[in-house]
Protein backbone atom coordinates (compact mmCIF):
# COMPACT_ATOMS: atom_id res chain seq x y z
CA ILE A 1 110.19 80.06 119.14
CA THR A 2 110.27 83.72 120.06
CA SER A 3 107.44 85.46 121.82
CA VAL A 4 105.89 88.77 120.88
CA GLY A 5 105.65 91.14 123.81
CA PRO A 6 102.90 93.60 124.74
CA SER A 7 104.84 96.52 123.24
CA ALA A 8 104.95 94.91 119.78
CA ILE A 9 101.28 93.98 119.96
CA TRP A 10 100.34 97.55 120.96
CA THR A 11 102.40 99.00 118.10
CA MET A 12 100.77 96.70 115.54
CA LEU A 13 97.32 97.69 116.83
CA LYS A 14 98.21 101.37 116.49
CA ILE A 15 99.45 100.78 112.93
CA SER A 16 96.33 98.84 111.94
CA PHE A 17 94.17 101.81 113.01
CA GLY A 18 96.48 104.42 111.40
CA GLY A 19 97.87 105.71 114.71
CA ASN A 20 101.20 107.53 114.84
CA THR A 21 104.12 105.24 115.58
CA GLY A 22 107.16 107.22 114.47
CA SER A 23 108.56 110.26 112.71
CA VAL A 24 111.29 111.28 110.29
CA LEU A 25 114.71 112.10 111.72
CA ARG A 26 117.39 114.31 110.19
CA TRP A 27 121.12 114.17 110.81
CA THR A 28 123.60 116.98 110.23
CA PRO A 29 127.21 117.31 111.35
CA GLU A 30 126.47 120.78 112.77
CA GLN A 31 123.89 119.41 115.21
CA ASP A 32 126.00 116.38 116.08
CA GLY A 33 123.20 113.86 115.82
CA PHE A 34 119.60 113.26 114.90
CA ILE A 35 116.69 115.66 115.31
CA GLN A 36 113.03 115.05 114.62
CA ILE A 37 111.61 116.87 111.61
CA SER A 38 108.61 118.87 112.75
CA ASN A 39 105.19 117.75 111.50
CA SER A 40 106.59 114.38 110.31
CA GLU A 41 104.78 112.06 112.72
CA GLY A 42 103.01 109.19 111.01
CA SER A 43 101.74 105.64 111.04
CA ALA A 44 104.62 103.28 110.32
CA PRO A 45 106.64 105.76 108.23
CA ASN A 46 109.07 103.54 106.33
CA GLY A 47 110.23 105.24 103.17
CA VAL A 48 111.71 108.70 102.61
CA ALA A 49 112.83 110.40 99.40
CA ALA A 50 114.11 113.95 99.02
CA THR A 51 113.61 116.13 95.97
CA PRO A 52 116.82 117.00 94.09
CA ASP A 53 116.69 120.61 95.36
CA GLY A 54 116.24 119.43 98.97
CA ARG A 55 113.17 121.62 99.53
CA SER A 56 110.73 118.74 100.04
CA ILE A 57 110.71 115.19 101.28
CA TYR A 58 108.16 112.48 100.61
CA VAL A 59 107.33 109.93 103.29
CA ALA A 60 105.53 106.60 102.82
CA GLU A 61 103.13 106.00 105.69
CA TRP A 62 102.52 102.27 105.51
CA GLY A 63 99.95 102.16 108.34
CA ALA A 64 97.87 105.14 107.19
CA ARG A 65 98.03 104.15 103.51
CA LYS A 66 99.24 107.50 102.25
CA VAL A 67 102.23 109.40 100.94
CA VAL A 68 103.06 112.67 102.66
CA ARG A 69 105.01 115.64 101.29
CA LEU A 70 106.82 117.85 103.78
CA ARG A 71 107.99 121.13 102.31
CA PHE A 72 110.86 123.07 103.87
CA GLU A 73 109.95 126.72 103.34
CA LYS A 74 111.14 128.57 106.44
CA PRO A 75 112.14 127.66 109.98
CA GLY A 76 109.20 126.26 111.94
CA PRO A 77 106.59 123.61 111.20
CA ARG A 78 106.85 121.93 107.82
CA VAL A 79 104.07 122.41 105.28
CA ARG A 80 102.38 119.00 105.08
CA ARG A 81 100.26 117.59 102.23
CA GLU A 82 98.84 114.07 102.24
CA LEU A 83 97.79 111.79 99.39
CA PRO A 84 95.75 108.70 100.34
CA ILE A 85 96.52 105.67 98.17
CA LYS A 86 95.21 102.14 97.73
CA GLY A 87 97.44 99.68 99.53
CA SER A 88 100.30 100.37 101.88
CA PRO A 89 103.27 102.26 100.39
CA HIS A 90 106.74 100.90 101.07
CA ASN A 91 109.93 102.80 100.22
CA LEU A 92 110.09 105.72 97.77
CA THR A 93 112.22 107.00 94.90
CA CYS A 94 112.11 110.41 93.17
CA THR A 95 112.47 110.22 89.41
CA PRO A 96 111.87 112.69 86.56
């Protein structure tokens, strides 16, 4: 039997109330590692899909029950649009 610690309990409480628990990270060889994508914080973000042109990404926010689009227009904060959905989204795929 394994125990669940206070940190895991706190995270699950935050998720159940839609609180931010993570963000989307990006990796490029030029930056030699991961960087956080601005304006990507969310409640249990667990699925990411990029558009074929690379100008937008979609993020499934399981805890907040929504899908978020982050548009890459210029340097700086990403343009964010949110779509509430019924249920909790899990993983994403872009298709025609």
